[in-house]
Amino acid sequence: MKLLLVVAAALIDPDNRVLIAQRPEGKELAGLWEFPGGKLHDGERPEPALIRELQEELGITVEEACLAPLSFASYAYPAFHLLMPLYICRRWRGQVTSRENQALKWVRPQNLRDYPMPPADTPLIPALIDLLT
């Protein structure tokens, strides 16, 4: 089974809310909410990949020193096995904006379960609740 490595960020605002993005129509798992991030390019390390993805998807600039690993997901989809480290980020430059037609929402950690998420994202919620509540 192919191993797919992706990275994700829990962006946390000053009110301890977490940003989630809704997968747009036309993408696999469209309509589900997820933590922003994406796939690594060949030879790319996780942190620079996440910085690149956050710039592309949300138009923000993040420094590597502002990313702190929190947890990871390991999930077997039918066609591949996904491994996804989740980083916490509380500092960035720029205004968070949707650059890939995805809806964005700031959510209190205890309310994250109210939003349908891909099966790999759901197990990451308890770590965020523990950290932020």
C-alpha atoms as a PDB file:
ATOM      1  CA  MET A   1       0.000   0.000   0.000  1.00  0.00           C
ATOM      2  CA  LYS A   2       1.287   3.438  -0.934  1.00  0.00           C
ATOM      3  CA  LEU A   3       2.216   5.759   1.956  1.00  0.00           C
ATOM      4  CA  LEU A   4       1.093   9.349   1.486  1.00  0.00           C
ATOM      5  CA  LEU A   5       2.691  11.995   3.710  1.00  0.00           C
ATOM      6  CA  VAL A   6       0.745  15.229   4.146  1.00  0.00           C
ATOM      7  CA  VAL A   7       1.097  18.032   6.692  1.00  0.00           C
ATOM      8  CA  ALA A   8      -1.580  20.046   8.454  1.00  0.00           C
ATOM      9  CA  ALA A   9      -1.796  23.063  10.725  1.00  0.00           C
ATOM     10  CA  ALA A  10      -4.105  23.999  13.540  1.00  0.00           C
ATOM     11  CA  LEU A  11      -3.998  27.776  13.229  1.00  0.00           C
ATOM     12  CA  ILE A  12      -5.073  29.219  16.570  1.00  0.00           C
ATOM     13  CA  ASP A  13      -6.345  32.781  16.898  1.00  0.00           C
ATOM     14  CA  PRO A  14      -6.086  34.982  20.039  1.00  0.00           C
ATOM     15  CA  ASP A  15      -9.505  33.656  21.209  1.00  0.00           C
ATOM     16  CA  ASN A  16      -8.196  30.042  21.095  1.00  0.00           C
ATOM     17  CA  ARG A  17     -10.328  29.181  18.080  1.00  0.00           C
ATOM     18  CA  VAL A  18      -9.018  26.793  15.426  1.00  0.00           C
ATOM     19  CA  LEU A  19      -9.270  27.399  11.680  1.00  0.00           C
ATOM     20  CA  ILE A  20     -10.853  24.688   9.560  1.00  0.00           C
ATOM     21  CA  ALA A  21     -11.367  24.690   5.805  1.00  0.00           C
ATOM     22  CA  GLN A  22     -14.112  22.986   3.824  1.00  0.00           C
ATOM     23  CA  ARG A  23     -12.962  20.885   0.888  1.00  0.00           C
ATOM     24  CA  PRO A  24     -14.428  22.465  -2.268  1.00  0.00           C
ATOM     25  CA  GLU A  25     -16.606  20.751  -4.851  1.00  0.00           C
ATOM     26  CA  GLY A  26     -14.621  18.704  -7.347  1.00  0.00           C
ATOM     27  CA  LYS A  27     -12.066  17.510  -4.799  1.00  0.00           C
ATOM     28  CA  GLU A  28     -12.097  14.123  -3.138  1.00  0.00           C
ATOM     29  CA  LEU A  29     -14.037  14.259   0.156  1.00  0.00           C
ATOM     30  CA  ALA A  30     -15.712  17.514  -0.983  1.00  0.00           C
ATOM     31  CA  GLY A  31     -17.812  19.193   1.687  1.00  0.00           C
ATOM     32  CA  LEU A  32     -15.824  17.814   4.621  1.00  0.00           C
ATOM     33  CA  TRP A  33     -13.946  20.157   6.964  1.00  0.00           C
ATOM     34  CA  GLU A  34     -10.212  19.752   7.548  1.00  0.00           C
ATOM     35  CA  PHE A  35      -7.148  21.391   8.978  1.00  0.00           C
ATOM     36  CA  PRO A  36      -5.298  23.401   6.298  1.00  0.00           C
ATOM     37  CA  GLY A  37      -2.214  21.853   4.741  1.00  0.00           C
ATOM     38  CA  GLY A  38      -1.332  19.480   1.955  1.00  0.00           C
ATOM     39  CA  LYS A  39       1.056  17.112   0.274  1.00  0.00           C
ATOM     40  CA  LEU A  40       4.811  17.301   0.325  1.00  0.00           C
ATOM     41  CA  HIS A  41       6.708  17.741  -2.923  1.00  0.00           C
ATOM     42  CA  ASP A  42       9.534  15.287  -3.674  1.00  0.00           C
ATOM     43  CA  GLY A  43      12.484  16.009  -1.392  1.00  0.00           C
ATOM     44  CA  GLU A  44      10.544  18.551   0.680  1.00  0.00           C
ATOM     45  CA  ARG A  45      10.656  18.523   4.486  1.00  0.00           C
ATOM     46  CA  PRO A  46       7.341  18.735   6.382  1.00  0.00           C
ATOM     47  CA  GLU A  47       7.761  22.225   7.842  1.00  0.00           C
ATOM     48  CA  PRO A  48       8.683  24.001   4.571  1.00  0.00           C
ATOM     49  CA  ALA A  49       5.861  22.090   2.855  1.00  0.00           C
ATOM     50  CA  LEU A  50       3.363  23.348   5.420  1.00  0.00           C
ATOM     51  CA  ILE A  51       4.669  26.907   5.132  1.00  0.00           C
ATOM     52  CA  ARG A  52       4.255  26.689   1.335  1.00  0.00           C
ATOM     53  CA  GLU A  53       0.751  25.204   1.605  1.00  0.00           C
ATOM     54  CA  LEU A  54      -0.418  27.875   4.061  1.00  0.00           C
ATOM     55  CA  GLN A  55       0.842  30.597   1.718  1.00  0.00           C
ATOM     56  CA  GLU A  56      -0.853  28.993  -1.305  1.00  0.00           C
ATOM     57  CA  GLU A  57      -4.162  28.153   0.416  1.00  0.00           C
ATOM     58  CA  LEU A  58      -4.573  31.019   2.881  1.00  0.00           C
ATOM     59  CA  GLY A  59      -2.201  33.793   1.785  1.00  0.00           C
ATOM     60  CA  ILE A  60      -0.331  33.897   5.097  1.00  0.00           C
ATOM     61  CA  THR A  61       3.371  33.804   5.849  1.00  0.00           C
ATOM     62  CA  VAL A  62       4.546  31.476   8.613  1.00  0.00           C
ATOM     63  CA  GLU A  63       8.047  31.121  10.012  1.00  0.00           C
ATOM     64  CA  GLU A  64       9.297  27.600  10.733  1.00  0.00           C
ATOM     65  CA  ALA A  65      10.007  28.584  14.372  1.00  0.00           C
ATOM     66  CA  CYS A  66       6.260  29.273  14.796  1.00  0.00           C
ATOM     67  CA  LEU A  67       5.273  25.668  13.993  1.00  0.00           C
ATOM     68  CA  ALA A  68       5.075  23.274  16.937  1.00  0.00           C
ATOM     69  CA  PRO A  69       4.241  19.597  16.384  1.00  0.00           C
ATOM     70  CA  LEU A  70       1.200  18.498  18.383  1.00  0.00           C
ATOM     71  CA  SER A  71       0.104  15.091  17.150  1.00  0.00           C
ATOM     72  CA  PHE A  72      -0.221  12.987  14.013  1.00  0.00           C
ATOM     73  CA  ALA A  73      -2.800  10.904  12.197  1.00  0.00           C
ATOM     74  CA  SER A  74      -2.165   7.502  10.684  1.00  0.00           C
ATOM     75  CA  TYR A  75      -5.109   6.258   8.641  1.00  0.00           C
ATOM     76  CA  ALA A  76      -5.557   3.505   6.056  1.00  0.00           C
ATOM     77  CA  TYR A  77      -7.759   4.693   3.195  1.00  0.00           C
ATOM     78  CA  PRO A  78      -8.654   2.016   0.604  1.00  0.00           C
ATOM     79  CA  ALA A  79      -6.035   3.163  -1.933  1.00  0.00           C
ATOM     80  CA  PHE A  80      -3.255   4.490   0.336  1.00  0.00           C
ATOM     81  CA  HIS A  81      -2.103   4.914   3.921  1.00  0.00           C
ATOM     82  CA  LEU A  82      -2.061   8.532   5.094  1.00  0.00           C
ATOM     83  CA  LEU A  83       0.439   9.832   7.627  1.00  0.00           C
ATOM     84  CA  MET A  84      -0.266  13.416   8.686  1.00  0.00           C
ATOM     85  CA  PRO A  85       1.613  15.382  11.344  1.00  0.00           C
ATOM     86  CA  LEU A  86      -0.434  18.213  12.849  1.00  0.00           C
ATOM     87  CA  TYR A  87       1.391  21.388  13.826  1.00  0.00           C
ATOM     88  CA  ILE A  88       0.134  24.192  16.048  1.00  0.00           C
ATOM     89  CA  CYS A  89       0.623  27.726  14.774  1.00  0.00           C
ATOM     90  CA  ARG A  90      -0.318  30.851  16.732  1.00  0.00           C
ATOM     91  CA  ARG A  91       1.715  33.432  14.773  1.00  0.00           C
ATOM     92  CA  TRP A  92       1.629  34.357  11.109  1.00  0.00           C
ATOM     93  CA  ARG A  93       1.805  37.429   8.937  1.00  0.00           C
ATOM     94  CA  GLY A  94      -1.041  38.494   6.699  1.00  0.00           C
ATOM     95  CA  GLN A  95      -4.794  38.066   6.709  1.00  0.00           C
ATOM     96  CA  VAL A  96      -6.209  34.526   6.477  1.00  0.00           C
ATOM     97  CA  THR A  97      -8.178  34.415   3.221  1.00  0.00           C
ATOM     98  CA  SER A  98      -9.562  31.626   1.085  1.00  0.00           C
ATOM     99  CA  ARG A  99      -7.401  31.347  -2.032  1.00  0.00           C
ATOM    100  CA  GLU A 100      -8.667  27.972  -3.309  1.00  0.00           C
ATOM    101  CA  ASN A 101     -12.453  28.420  -3.155  1.00  0.00           C
ATOM    102  CA  GLN A 102     -12.701  26.731   0.231  1.00  0.00           C
ATOM    103  CA  ALA A 103     -14.995  27.962   2.996  1.00  0.00           C
ATOM    104  CA  LEU A 104     -13.113  28.887   6.173  1.00  0.00           C
ATOM    105  CA  LYS A 105     -14.388  28.875   9.740  1.00  0.00           C
ATOM    106  CA  TRP A 106     -12.874  29.679  13.141  1.00  0.00           C
ATOM    107  CA  VAL A 107     -14.198  27.105  15.616  1.00  0.00           C
ATOM    108  CA  ARG A 108     -13.842  26.554  19.337  1.00  0.00           C
ATOM    109  CA  PRO A 109     -11.973  23.258  19.901  1.00  0.00           C
ATOM    110  CA  GLN A 110     -14.856  21.675  21.822  1.00  0.00           C
ATOM    111  CA  ASN A 111     -17.115  22.337  18.785  1.00  0.00           C
ATOM    112  CA  LEU A 112     -14.845  20.762  16.145  1.00  0.00           C
ATOM    113  CA  ARG A 113     -16.837  17.507  16.280  1.00  0.00           C
ATOM    114  CA  ASP A 114     -19.877  19.445  14.998  1.00  0.00           C
ATOM    115  CA  TYR A 115     -18.212  19.641  11.562  1.00  0.00           C
ATOM    116  CA  PRO A 116     -17.927  16.485   9.444  1.00  0.00           C
ATOM    117  CA  MET A 117     -14.230  15.770   8.835  1.00  0.00           C
ATOM    118  CA  PRO A 118     -12.248  13.189   6.879  1.00  0.00           C
ATOM    119  CA  PRO A 119     -11.577  10.100   9.010  1.00  0.00           C
ATOM    120  CA  ALA A 120      -7.874  10.982   9.342  1.00  0.00           C
ATOM    121  CA  ASP A 121      -8.609  14.424  10.855  1.00  0.00           C
ATOM    122  CA  THR A 122     -11.148  13.368  13.490  1.00  0.00           C
ATOM    123  CA  PRO A 123      -8.658  11.613  15.853  1.00  0.00           C
ATOM    124  CA  LEU A 124      -6.669  14.873  16.111  1.00  0.00           C
ATOM    125  CA  ILE A 125      -9.512  16.732  17.836  1.00  0.00           C
ATOM    126  CA  PRO A 126      -8.900  15.446  21.413  1.00  0.00           C
ATOM    127  CA  ALA A 127      -5.312  16.756  21.421  1.00  0.00           C
ATOM    128  CA  LEU A 128      -6.577  20.205  20.439  1.00  0.00           C
ATOM    129  CA  ILE A 129      -9.286  20.153  23.086  1.00  0.00           C
ATOM    130  CA  ASP A 130      -6.709  19.144  25.728  1.00  0.00           C
ATOM    131  CA  LEU A 131      -4.348  21.896  24.629  1.00  0.00           C
ATOM    132  CA  LEU A 132      -6.852  24.734  24.343  1.00  0.00           C
ATOM    133  CA  THR A 133      -9.489  24.149  27.023  1.00  0.00           C
END
